[in-house]
Amino acid sequence: MRLTAAPNIVANFVGDHPGASQAQHAVTAALMMAADLPLTMPPGPRGNSADLMGQPPAEVAPSSPAYAAARRFAALPASARHAWLVRHLGALRAGRITLAQLP
């Protein structure tokens, strides 16, 4: 359950969906890294990773700027990630945060 539902819950929380910003993809990846979840989605019960909770999070390529930002965000202490999300979640979900604005 953790490997199939958690990534979709995180993606829905961040607003990571097709067409989402690179920052949304990066924060989703960072939260998955911090939770020790794989960045690739396992298939859902009917062979589609979106079956459980809607759209799956986008995969972030290891050589991309979004991946570098995700690693930087994931490396923060949990309290710092939480504090940043409390202050910026609305703007992140609206797509108004850039990769450069991620701590």
PDB file of N, CA and C in Angstrom:
ATOM      1  N   MET A   1       0.831  -1.189   0.000  1.00  0.00           N
ATOM      2  CA  MET A   1       0.000   0.000   0.000  1.00  0.00           C
ATOM      3  C   MET A   1       0.881   1.262   0.000  1.00  0.00           C
ATOM      4  N   ARG A   2       1.923   1.249   0.817  1.00  0.00           N
ATOM      5  CA  ARG A   2       2.805   2.415   0.920  1.00  0.00           C
ATOM      6  C   ARG A   2       3.425   2.759  -0.430  1.00  0.00           C
ATOM      7  N   LEU A   3       3.817   1.749  -1.188  1.00  0.00           N
ATOM      8  CA  LEU A   3       4.481   1.991  -2.468  1.00  0.00           C
ATOM      9  C   LEU A   3       3.515   2.397  -3.571  1.00  0.00           C
ATOM     10  N   THR A   4       2.248   2.070  -3.429  1.00  0.00           N
ATOM     11  CA  THR A   4       1.300   2.414  -4.488  1.00  0.00           C
ATOM     12  C   THR A   4       0.473   3.652  -4.168  1.00  0.00           C
ATOM     13  N   ALA A   5       0.013   3.795  -2.949  1.00  0.00           N
ATOM     14  CA  ALA A   5      -0.843   4.933  -2.607  1.00  0.00           C
ATOM     15  C   ALA A   5      -0.057   6.182  -2.232  1.00  0.00           C
ATOM     16  N   ALA A   6       1.039   6.019  -1.513  1.00  0.00           N
ATOM     17  CA  ALA A   6       1.782   7.182  -1.008  1.00  0.00           C
ATOM     18  C   ALA A   6       2.229   8.141  -2.110  1.00  0.00           C
ATOM     19  N   PRO A   7       2.814   7.662  -3.215  1.00  0.00           N
ATOM     20  CA  PRO A   7       3.226   8.616  -4.253  1.00  0.00           C
ATOM     21  C   PRO A   7       2.060   9.430  -4.820  1.00  0.00           C
ATOM     22  N   ASN A   8       0.908   8.815  -4.965  1.00  0.00           N
ATOM     23  CA  ASN A   8      -0.250   9.552  -5.464  1.00  0.00           C
ATOM     24  C   ASN A   8      -0.769  10.550  -4.441  1.00  0.00           C
ATOM     25  N   ILE A   9      -0.716  10.193  -3.172  1.00  0.00           N
ATOM     26  CA  ILE A   9      -1.137  11.118  -2.118  1.00  0.00           C
ATOM     27  C   ILE A   9      -0.214  12.333  -2.097  1.00  0.00           C
ATOM     28  N   VAL A  10       1.088  12.084  -2.183  1.00  0.00           N
ATOM     29  CA  VAL A  10       2.070  13.179  -2.201  1.00  0.00           C
ATOM     30  C   VAL A  10       1.833  14.067  -3.423  1.00  0.00           C
ATOM     31  N   ALA A  11       1.655  13.460  -4.594  1.00  0.00           N
ATOM     32  CA  ALA A  11       1.427  14.231  -5.828  1.00  0.00           C
ATOM     33  C   ALA A  11       0.167  15.076  -5.720  1.00  0.00           C
ATOM     34  N   ASN A  12      -0.895  14.517  -5.171  1.00  0.00           N
ATOM     35  CA  ASN A  12      -2.126  15.282  -5.018  1.00  0.00           C
ATOM     36  C   ASN A  12      -1.961  16.418  -4.022  1.00  0.00           C
ATOM     37  N   PHE A  13      -1.207  16.205  -2.967  1.00  0.00           N
ATOM     38  CA  PHE A  13      -0.941  17.234  -1.964  1.00  0.00           C
ATOM     39  C   PHE A  13      -0.198  18.419  -2.578  1.00  0.00           C
ATOM     40  N   VAL A  14       0.803  18.133  -3.407  1.00  0.00           N
ATOM     41  CA  VAL A  14       1.651  19.163  -4.009  1.00  0.00           C
ATOM     42  C   VAL A  14       0.998  19.784  -5.246  1.00  0.00           C
ATOM     43  N   GLY A  15       0.050  19.068  -5.845  1.00  0.00           N
ATOM     44  CA  GLY A  15      -0.550  19.546  -7.085  1.00  0.00           C
ATOM     45  C   GLY A  15       0.222  19.083  -8.304  1.00  0.00           C
ATOM     46  N   ASP A  16       0.997  18.009  -8.130  1.00  0.00           N
ATOM     47  CA  ASP A  16       1.807  17.460  -9.219  1.00  0.00           C
ATOM     48  C   ASP A  16       0.917  16.603 -10.114  1.00  0.00           C
ATOM     49  N   HIS A  17       0.733  17.049 -11.318  1.00  0.00           N
ATOM     50  CA  HIS A  17      -0.132  16.383 -12.296  1.00  0.00           C
ATOM     51  C   HIS A  17       0.419  16.699 -13.678  1.00  0.00           C
ATOM     52  N   PRO A  18      -0.094  16.074 -14.714  1.00  0.00           N
ATOM     53  CA  PRO A  18       0.376  16.459 -16.052  1.00  0.00           C
ATOM     54  C   PRO A  18       0.212  17.966 -16.247  1.00  0.00           C
ATOM     55  N   GLY A  19       1.242  18.606 -16.701  1.00  0.00           N
ATOM     56  CA  GLY A  19       1.216  20.052 -16.898  1.00  0.00           C
ATOM     57  C   GLY A  19       1.652  20.843 -15.682  1.00  0.00           C
ATOM     58  N   ALA A  20       2.007  20.167 -14.599  1.00  0.00           N
ATOM     59  CA  ALA A  20       2.461  20.863 -13.393  1.00  0.00           C
ATOM     60  C   ALA A  20       3.837  21.473 -13.631  1.00  0.00           C
ATOM     61  N   SER A  21       4.225  22.379 -12.748  1.00  0.00           N
ATOM     62  CA  SER A  21       5.520  23.062 -12.878  1.00  0.00           C
ATOM     63  C   SER A  21       6.662  22.134 -12.484  1.00  0.00           C
ATOM     64  N   GLN A  22       7.867  22.515 -12.894  1.00  0.00           N
ATOM     65  CA  GLN A  22       9.059  21.759 -12.508  1.00  0.00           C
ATOM     66  C   GLN A  22       9.236  21.775 -10.989  1.00  0.00           C
ATOM     67  N   ALA A  23       8.864  22.876 -10.340  1.00  0.00           N
ATOM     68  CA  ALA A  23       8.976  22.948  -8.882  1.00  0.00           C
ATOM     69  C   ALA A  23       8.018  21.953  -8.224  1.00  0.00           C
ATOM     70  N   GLN A  24       6.815  21.812  -8.760  1.00  0.00           N
ATOM     71  CA  GLN A  24       5.872  20.827  -8.216  1.00  0.00           C
ATOM     72  C   GLN A  24       6.437  19.417  -8.372  1.00  0.00           C
ATOM     73  N   HIS A  25       7.004  19.119  -9.537  1.00  0.00           N
ATOM     74  CA  HIS A  25       7.615  17.808  -9.742  1.00  0.00           C
ATOM     75  C   HIS A  25       8.764  17.606  -8.750  1.00  0.00           C
ATOM     76  N   ALA A  26       9.573  18.634  -8.552  1.00  0.00           N
ATOM     77  CA  ALA A  26      10.731  18.530  -7.664  1.00  0.00           C
ATOM     78  C   ALA A  26      10.308  18.315  -6.219  1.00  0.00           C
ATOM     79  N   VAL A  27       9.307  19.037  -5.751  1.00  0.00           N
ATOM     80  CA  VAL A  27       8.872  18.882  -4.368  1.00  0.00           C
ATOM     81  C   VAL A  27       8.263  17.497  -4.166  1.00  0.00           C
ATOM     82  N   THR A  28       7.496  17.027  -5.122  1.00  0.00           N
ATOM     83  CA  THR A  28       6.955  15.665  -5.019  1.00  0.00           C
ATOM     84  C   THR A  28       8.096  14.670  -4.915  1.00  0.00           C
ATOM     85  N   ALA A  29       9.085  14.789  -5.801  1.00  0.00           N
ATOM     86  CA  ALA A  29      10.228  13.877  -5.769  1.00  0.00           C
ATOM     87  C   ALA A  29      10.968  13.988  -4.436  1.00  0.00           C
ATOM     88  N   ALA A  30      11.141  15.207  -3.936  1.00  0.00           N
ATOM     89  CA  ALA A  30      11.848  15.408  -2.668  1.00  0.00           C
ATOM     90  C   ALA A  30      11.114  14.741  -1.514  1.00  0.00           C
ATOM     91  N   LEU A  31       9.802  14.895  -1.467  1.00  0.00           N
ATOM     92  CA  LEU A  31       9.038  14.277  -0.384  1.00  0.00           C
ATOM     93  C   LEU A  31       9.083  12.758  -0.490  1.00  0.00           C
ATOM     94  N   MET A  32       9.105  12.254  -1.712  1.00  0.00           N
ATOM     95  CA  MET A  32       9.225  10.807  -1.894  1.00  0.00           C
ATOM     96  C   MET A  32      10.611  10.326  -1.472  1.00  0.00           C
ATOM     97  N   MET A  33      11.655  11.100  -1.818  1.00  0.00           N
ATOM     98  CA  MET A  33      13.017  10.756  -1.388  1.00  0.00           C
ATOM     99  C   MET A  33      13.094  10.747   0.139  1.00  0.00           C
ATOM    100  N   ALA A  34      12.554  11.773   0.767  1.00  0.00           N
ATOM    101  CA  ALA A  34      12.612  11.894   2.222  1.00  0.00           C
ATOM    102  C   ALA A  34      11.861  10.755   2.913  1.00  0.00           C
ATOM    103  N   ALA A  35      10.817  10.243   2.257  1.00  0.00           N
ATOM    104  CA  ALA A  35      10.041   9.137   2.813  1.00  0.00           C
ATOM    105  C   ALA A  35      10.607   7.781   2.397  1.00  0.00           C
ATOM    106  N   ASP A  36      11.742   7.810   1.691  1.00  0.00           N
ATOM    107  CA  ASP A  36      12.396   6.592   1.218  1.00  0.00           C
ATOM    108  C   ASP A  36      11.494   5.782   0.289  1.00  0.00           C
ATOM    109  N   LEU A  37      10.778   6.510  -0.577  1.00  0.00           N
ATOM    110  CA  LEU A  37       9.931   5.889  -1.593  1.00  0.00           C
ATOM    111  C   LEU A  37      10.644   5.939  -2.935  1.00  0.00           C
ATOM    112  N   PRO A  38      10.406   4.968  -3.796  1.00  0.00           N
ATOM    113  CA  PRO A  38      11.025   5.015  -5.124  1.00  0.00           C
ATOM    114  C   PRO A  38      10.433   6.153  -5.950  1.00  0.00           C
ATOM    115  N   LEU A  39      11.241   6.708  -6.824  1.00  0.00           N
ATOM    116  CA  LEU A  39      10.766   7.800  -7.676  1.00  0.00           C
ATOM    117  C   LEU A  39      10.030   7.292  -8.909  1.00  0.00           C
ATOM    118  N   THR A  40      10.072   6.018  -9.163  1.00  0.00           N
ATOM    119  CA  THR A  40       9.290   5.453 -10.263  1.00  0.00           C
ATOM    120  C   THR A  40       8.071   4.773  -9.666  1.00  0.00           C
ATOM    121  N   MET A  41       6.965   4.901 -10.367  1.00  0.00           N
ATOM    122  CA  MET A  41       5.699   4.384  -9.862  1.00  0.00           C
ATOM    123  C   MET A  41       5.523   2.902 -10.195  1.00  0.00           C
ATOM    124  N   PRO A  42       5.160   2.073  -9.198  1.00  0.00           N
ATOM    125  CA  PRO A  42       4.795   0.700  -9.512  1.00  0.00           C
ATOM    126  C   PRO A  42       3.415   0.684 -10.152  1.00  0.00           C
ATOM    127  N   PRO A  43       3.091  -0.341 -10.927  1.00  0.00           N
ATOM    128  CA  PRO A  43       1.753  -0.415 -11.513  1.00  0.00           C
ATOM    129  C   PRO A  43       0.696  -0.544 -10.430  1.00  0.00           C
ATOM    130  N   GLY A  44      -0.471   0.028 -10.683  1.00  0.00           N
ATOM    131  CA  GLY A  44      -1.600  -0.110  -9.775  1.00  0.00           C
ATOM    132  C   GLY A  44      -2.263  -1.461  -9.942  1.00  0.00           C
ATOM    133  N   PRO A  45      -3.382  -1.690  -9.266  1.00  0.00           N
ATOM    134  CA  PRO A  45      -4.031  -2.994  -9.284  1.00  0.00           C
ATOM    135  C   PRO A  45      -4.472  -3.444 -10.676  1.00  0.00           C
ATOM    136  N   ARG A  46      -4.733  -2.497 -11.574  1.00  0.00           N
ATOM    137  CA  ARG A  46      -5.148  -2.889 -12.923  1.00  0.00           C
ATOM    138  C   ARG A  46      -4.054  -2.550 -13.930  1.00  0.00           C
ATOM    139  N   GLY A  47      -2.817  -2.422 -13.442  1.00  0.00           N
ATOM    140  CA  GLY A  47      -1.700  -2.169 -14.329  1.00  0.00           C
ATOM    141  C   GLY A  47      -1.442  -0.708 -14.606  1.00  0.00           C
ATOM    142  N   ASN A  48      -2.158   0.185 -13.958  1.00  0.00           N
ATOM    143  CA  ASN A  48      -1.997   1.612 -14.187  1.00  0.00           C
ATOM    144  C   ASN A  48      -1.737   2.278 -12.844  1.00  0.00           C
ATOM    145  N   SER A  49      -0.616   2.961 -12.715  1.00  0.00           N
ATOM    146  CA  SER A  49      -0.261   3.568 -11.433  1.00  0.00           C
ATOM    147  C   SER A  49      -1.217   4.677 -11.015  1.00  0.00           C
ATOM    148  N   ALA A  50      -2.060   5.152 -11.909  1.00  0.00           N
ATOM    149  CA  ALA A  50      -3.017   6.205 -11.563  1.00  0.00           C
ATOM    150  C   ALA A  50      -4.316   5.635 -11.012  1.00  0.00           C
ATOM    151  N   ASP A  51      -4.472   4.330 -10.981  1.00  0.00           N
ATOM    152  CA  ASP A  51      -5.742   3.729 -10.582  1.00  0.00           C
ATOM    153  C   ASP A  51      -6.173   4.068  -9.159  1.00  0.00           C
ATOM    154  N   LEU A  52      -5.226   4.221  -8.237  1.00  0.00           N
ATOM    155  CA  LEU A  52      -5.597   4.358  -6.838  1.00  0.00           C
ATOM    156  C   LEU A  52      -6.073   5.748  -6.447  1.00  0.00           C
ATOM    157  N   MET A  53      -5.401   6.785  -6.884  1.00  0.00           N
ATOM    158  CA  MET A  53      -5.697   8.119  -6.366  1.00  0.00           C
ATOM    159  C   MET A  53      -5.710   9.192  -7.445  1.00  0.00           C
ATOM    160  N   GLY A  54      -5.930   8.870  -8.665  1.00  0.00           N
ATOM    161  CA  GLY A  54      -5.887   9.879  -9.706  1.00  0.00           C
ATOM    162  C   GLY A  54      -4.587   9.816 -10.461  1.00  0.00           C
ATOM    163  N   GLN A  55      -4.047  10.954 -10.836  1.00  0.00           N
ATOM    164  CA  GLN A  55      -2.838  10.993 -11.649  1.00  0.00           C
ATOM    165  C   GLN A  55      -1.599  10.675 -10.815  1.00  0.00           C
ATOM    166  N   PRO A  56      -0.668   9.893 -11.365  1.00  0.00           N
ATOM    167  CA  PRO A  56       0.577   9.636 -10.645  1.00  0.00           C
ATOM    168  C   PRO A  56       1.488  10.852 -10.724  1.00  0.00           C
ATOM    169  N   PRO A  57       2.470  10.958  -9.825  1.00  0.00           N
ATOM    170  CA  PRO A  57       3.425  12.055  -9.936  1.00  0.00           C
ATOM    171  C   PRO A  57       4.296  11.869 -11.169  1.00  0.00           C
ATOM    172  N   ALA A  58       4.778  12.953 -11.689  1.00  0.00           N
ATOM    173  CA  ALA A  58       5.697  12.883 -12.824  1.00  0.00           C
ATOM    174  C   ALA A  58       7.033  12.349 -12.338  1.00  0.00           C
ATOM    175  N   GLU A  59       7.703  11.588 -13.175  1.00  0.00           N
ATOM    176  CA  GLU A  59       9.034  11.122 -12.834  1.00  0.00           C
ATOM    177  C   GLU A  59      10.030  12.223 -13.169  1.00  0.00           C
ATOM    178  N   VAL A  60      10.996  12.405 -12.308  1.00  0.00           N
ATOM    179  CA  VAL A  60      12.015  13.439 -12.464  1.00  0.00           C
ATOM    180  C   VAL A  60      13.317  12.748 -12.862  1.00  0.00           C
ATOM    181  N   ALA A  61      13.836  13.090 -14.030  1.00  0.00           N
ATOM    182  CA  ALA A  61      15.066  12.469 -14.528  1.00  0.00           C
ATOM    183  C   ALA A  61      16.258  12.854 -13.661  1.00  0.00           C
ATOM    184  N   PRO A  62      17.109  11.890 -13.311  1.00  0.00           N
ATOM    185  CA  PRO A  62      18.259  12.174 -12.448  1.00  0.00           C
ATOM    186  C   PRO A  62      19.204  13.251 -12.965  1.00  0.00           C
ATOM    187  N   SER A  63      19.238  13.503 -14.245  1.00  0.00           N
ATOM    188  CA  SER A  63      20.141  14.526 -14.771  1.00  0.00           C
ATOM    189  C   SER A  63      19.477  15.899 -14.907  1.00  0.00           C
ATOM    190  N   SER A  64      18.244  16.025 -14.471  1.00  0.00           N
ATOM    191  CA  SER A  64      17.492  17.267 -14.678  1.00  0.00           C
ATOM    192  C   SER A  64      17.705  18.273 -13.544  1.00  0.00           C
ATOM    193  N   PRO A  65      17.452  19.552 -13.833  1.00  0.00           N
ATOM    194  CA  PRO A  65      17.494  20.571 -12.769  1.00  0.00           C
ATOM    195  C   PRO A  65      16.454  20.291 -11.671  1.00  0.00           C
ATOM    196  N   ALA A  66      15.309  19.714 -12.041  1.00  0.00           N
ATOM    197  CA  ALA A  66      14.279  19.395 -11.047  1.00  0.00           C
ATOM    198  C   ALA A  66      14.792  18.343 -10.065  1.00  0.00           C
ATOM    199  N   TYR A  67      15.568  17.393 -10.551  1.00  0.00           N
ATOM    200  CA  TYR A  67      16.131  16.369  -9.675  1.00  0.00           C
ATOM    201  C   TYR A  67      17.123  16.995  -8.697  1.00  0.00           C
ATOM    202  N   ALA A  68      17.956  17.898  -9.183  1.00  0.00           N
ATOM    203  CA  ALA A  68      18.912  18.592  -8.301  1.00  0.00           C
ATOM    204  C   ALA A  68      18.174  19.379  -7.221  1.00  0.00           C
ATOM    205  N   ALA A  69      17.095  20.053  -7.607  1.00  0.00           N
ATOM    206  CA  ALA A  69      16.295  20.806  -6.634  1.00  0.00           C
ATOM    207  C   ALA A  69      15.617  19.857  -5.649  1.00  0.00           C
ATOM    208  N   ALA A  70      15.166  18.716  -6.133  1.00  0.00           N
ATOM    209  CA  ALA A  70      14.524  17.724  -5.266  1.00  0.00           C
ATOM    210  C   ALA A  70      15.514  17.210  -4.233  1.00  0.00           C
ATOM    211  N   ARG A  71      16.719  16.912  -4.659  1.00  0.00           N
ATOM    212  CA  ARG A  71      17.741  16.430  -3.721  1.00  0.00           C
ATOM    213  C   ARG A  71      18.065  17.495  -2.675  1.00  0.00           C
ATOM    214  N   ARG A  72      18.141  18.735  -3.113  1.00  0.00           N
ATOM    215  CA  ARG A  72      18.429  19.845  -2.200  1.00  0.00           C
ATOM    216  C   ARG A  72      17.303  19.978  -1.158  1.00  0.00           C
ATOM    217  N   PHE A  73      16.047  19.920  -1.624  1.00  0.00           N
ATOM    218  CA  PHE A  73      14.897  20.051  -0.723  1.00  0.00           C
ATOM    219  C   PHE A  73      14.812  18.847   0.214  1.00  0.00           C
ATOM    220  N   ALA A  74      15.048  17.651  -0.318  1.00  0.00           N
ATOM    221  CA  ALA A  74      14.984  16.435   0.500  1.00  0.00           C
ATOM    222  C   ALA A  74      16.068  16.418   1.575  1.00  0.00           C
ATOM    223  N   ALA A  75      17.202  17.066   1.315  1.00  0.00           N
ATOM    224  CA  ALA A  75      18.311  17.081   2.267  1.00  0.00           C
ATOM    225  C   ALA A  75      18.051  17.976   3.478  1.00  0.00           C
ATOM    226  N   LEU A  76      17.049  18.840   3.370  1.00  0.00           N
ATOM    227  CA  LEU A  76      16.712  19.709   4.505  1.00  0.00           C
ATOM    228  C   LEU A  76      16.165  18.873   5.656  1.00  0.00           C
ATOM    229  N   PRO A  77      16.320  19.334   6.884  1.00  0.00           N
ATOM    230  CA  PRO A  77      15.658  18.655   8.003  1.00  0.00           C
ATOM    231  C   PRO A  77      14.145  18.674   7.784  1.00  0.00           C
ATOM    232  N   ALA A  78      13.470  17.655   8.272  1.00  0.00           N
ATOM    233  CA  ALA A  78      12.017  17.549   8.101  1.00  0.00           C
ATOM    234  C   ALA A  78      11.308  18.809   8.601  1.00  0.00           C
ATOM    235  N   SER A  79      11.792  19.392   9.680  1.00  0.00           N
ATOM    236  CA  SER A  79      11.147  20.594  10.222  1.00  0.00           C
ATOM    237  C   SER A  79      11.276  21.766   9.254  1.00  0.00           C
ATOM    238  N   ALA A  80      12.397  21.873   8.570  1.00  0.00           N
ATOM    239  CA  ALA A  80      12.587  22.957   7.595  1.00  0.00           C
ATOM    240  C   ALA A  80      11.706  22.746   6.369  1.00  0.00           C
ATOM    241  N   ARG A  81      11.599  21.492   5.882  1.00  0.00           N
ATOM    242  CA  ARG A  81      10.693  21.210   4.754  1.00  0.00           C
ATOM    243  C   ARG A  81       9.263  21.552   5.140  1.00  0.00           C
ATOM    244  N   HIS A  82       8.862  21.132   6.335  1.00  0.00           N
ATOM    245  CA  HIS A  82       7.501  21.394   6.798  1.00  0.00           C
ATOM    246  C   HIS A  82       7.231  22.894   6.886  1.00  0.00           C
ATOM    247  N   ALA A  83       8.146  23.636   7.478  1.00  0.00           N
ATOM    248  CA  ALA A  83       7.969  25.084   7.616  1.00  0.00           C
ATOM    249  C   ALA A  83       7.864  25.755   6.253  1.00  0.00           C
ATOM    250  N   TRP A  84       8.703  25.336   5.302  1.00  0.00           N
ATOM    251  CA  TRP A  84       8.653  25.922   3.960  1.00  0.00           C
ATOM    252  C   TRP A  84       7.316  25.605   3.305  1.00  0.00           C
ATOM    253  N   LEU A  85       6.858  24.369   3.429  1.00  0.00           N
ATOM    254  CA  LEU A  85       5.577  23.992   2.819  1.00  0.00           C
ATOM    255  C   LEU A  85       4.408  24.746   3.453  1.00  0.00           C
ATOM    256  N   VAL A  86       4.453  24.949   4.764  1.00  0.00           N
ATOM    257  CA  VAL A  86       3.385  25.711   5.435  1.00  0.00           C
ATOM    258  C   VAL A  86       3.286  27.103   4.833  1.00  0.00           C
ATOM    259  N   ARG A  87       4.428  27.729   4.588  1.00  0.00           N
ATOM    260  CA  ARG A  87       4.433  29.099   4.055  1.00  0.00           C
ATOM    261  C   ARG A  87       4.163  29.175   2.555  1.00  0.00           C
ATOM    262  N   HIS A  88       4.522  28.140   1.799  1.00  0.00           N
ATOM    263  CA  HIS A  88       4.503  28.253   0.341  1.00  0.00           C
ATOM    264  C   HIS A  88       3.597  27.272  -0.398  1.00  0.00           C
ATOM    265  N   LEU A  89       2.862  26.428   0.310  1.00  0.00           N
ATOM    266  CA  LEU A  89       2.079  25.392  -0.369  1.00  0.00           C
ATOM    267  C   LEU A  89       1.065  25.970  -1.349  1.00  0.00           C
ATOM    268  N   GLY A  90       0.377  27.032  -0.988  1.00  0.00           N
ATOM    269  CA  GLY A  90      -0.611  27.633  -1.890  1.00  0.00           C
ATOM    270  C   GLY A  90       0.021  28.078  -3.201  1.00  0.00           C
ATOM    271  N   ALA A  91       1.140  28.766  -3.107  1.00  0.00           N
ATOM    272  CA  ALA A  91       1.835  29.230  -4.317  1.00  0.00           C
ATOM    273  C   ALA A  91       2.402  28.057  -5.104  1.00  0.00           C
ATOM    274  N   LEU A  92       2.901  27.046  -4.403  1.00  0.00           N
ATOM    275  CA  LEU A  92       3.422  25.856  -5.088  1.00  0.00           C
ATOM    276  C   LEU A  92       2.303  25.159  -5.848  1.00  0.00           C
ATOM    277  N   ARG A  93       1.179  24.930  -5.190  1.00  0.00           N
ATOM    278  CA  ARG A  93       0.049  24.247  -5.842  1.00  0.00           C
ATOM    279  C   ARG A  93      -0.481  25.053  -7.027  1.00  0.00           C
ATOM    280  N   ALA A  94      -0.375  26.363  -6.964  1.00  0.00           N
ATOM    281  CA  ALA A  94      -0.843  27.226  -8.045  1.00  0.00           C
ATOM    282  C   ALA A  94       0.191  27.336  -9.174  1.00  0.00           C
ATOM    283  N   GLY A  95       1.366  26.746  -8.992  1.00  0.00           N
ATOM    284  CA  GLY A  95       2.390  26.790 -10.029  1.00  0.00           C
ATOM    285  C   GLY A  95       3.186  28.072 -10.060  1.00  0.00           C
ATOM    286  N   ARG A  96       3.173  28.835  -8.966  1.00  0.00           N
ATOM    287  CA  ARG A  96       3.870  30.121  -8.927  1.00  0.00           C
ATOM    288  C   ARG A  96       5.256  30.052  -8.291  1.00  0.00           C
ATOM    289  N   ILE A  97       5.724  28.857  -7.952  1.00  0.00           N
ATOM    290  CA  ILE A  97       7.059  28.690  -7.386  1.00  0.00           C
ATOM    291  C   ILE A  97       7.964  28.114  -8.464  1.00  0.00           C
ATOM    292  N   THR A  98       9.160  28.667  -8.571  1.00  0.00           N
ATOM    293  CA  THR A  98      10.135  28.160  -9.545  1.00  0.00           C
ATOM    294  C   THR A  98      11.143  27.256  -8.836  1.00  0.00           C
ATOM    295  N   LEU A  99      11.918  26.532  -9.612  1.00  0.00           N
ATOM    296  CA  LEU A  99      12.971  25.698  -9.034  1.00  0.00           C
ATOM    297  C   LEU A  99      13.943  26.527  -8.213  1.00  0.00           C
ATOM    298  N   ALA A 100      14.263  27.720  -8.685  1.00  0.00           N
ATOM    299  CA  ALA A 100      15.210  28.580  -7.983  1.00  0.00           C
ATOM    300  C   ALA A 100      14.679  29.039  -6.626  1.00  0.00           C
ATOM    301  N   GLN A 101      13.369  29.037  -6.455  1.00  0.00           N
ATOM    302  CA  GLN A 101      12.790  29.480  -5.196  1.00  0.00           C
ATOM    303  C   GLN A 101      12.721  28.361  -4.149  1.00  0.00           C
ATOM    304  N   LEU A 102      13.023  27.134  -4.548  1.00  0.00           N
ATOM    305  CA  LEU A 102      13.032  26.045  -3.579  1.00  0.00           C
ATOM    306  C   LEU A 102      14.298  26.141  -2.735  1.00  0.00           C
ATOM    307  N   PRO A 103      14.161  25.926  -1.428  1.00  0.00           N
ATOM    308  CA  PRO A 103      15.368  25.979  -0.583  1.00  0.00           C
ATOM    309  C   PRO A 103      16.303  24.814  -0.884  1.00  0.00           C
TER     310      PRO A 103
END
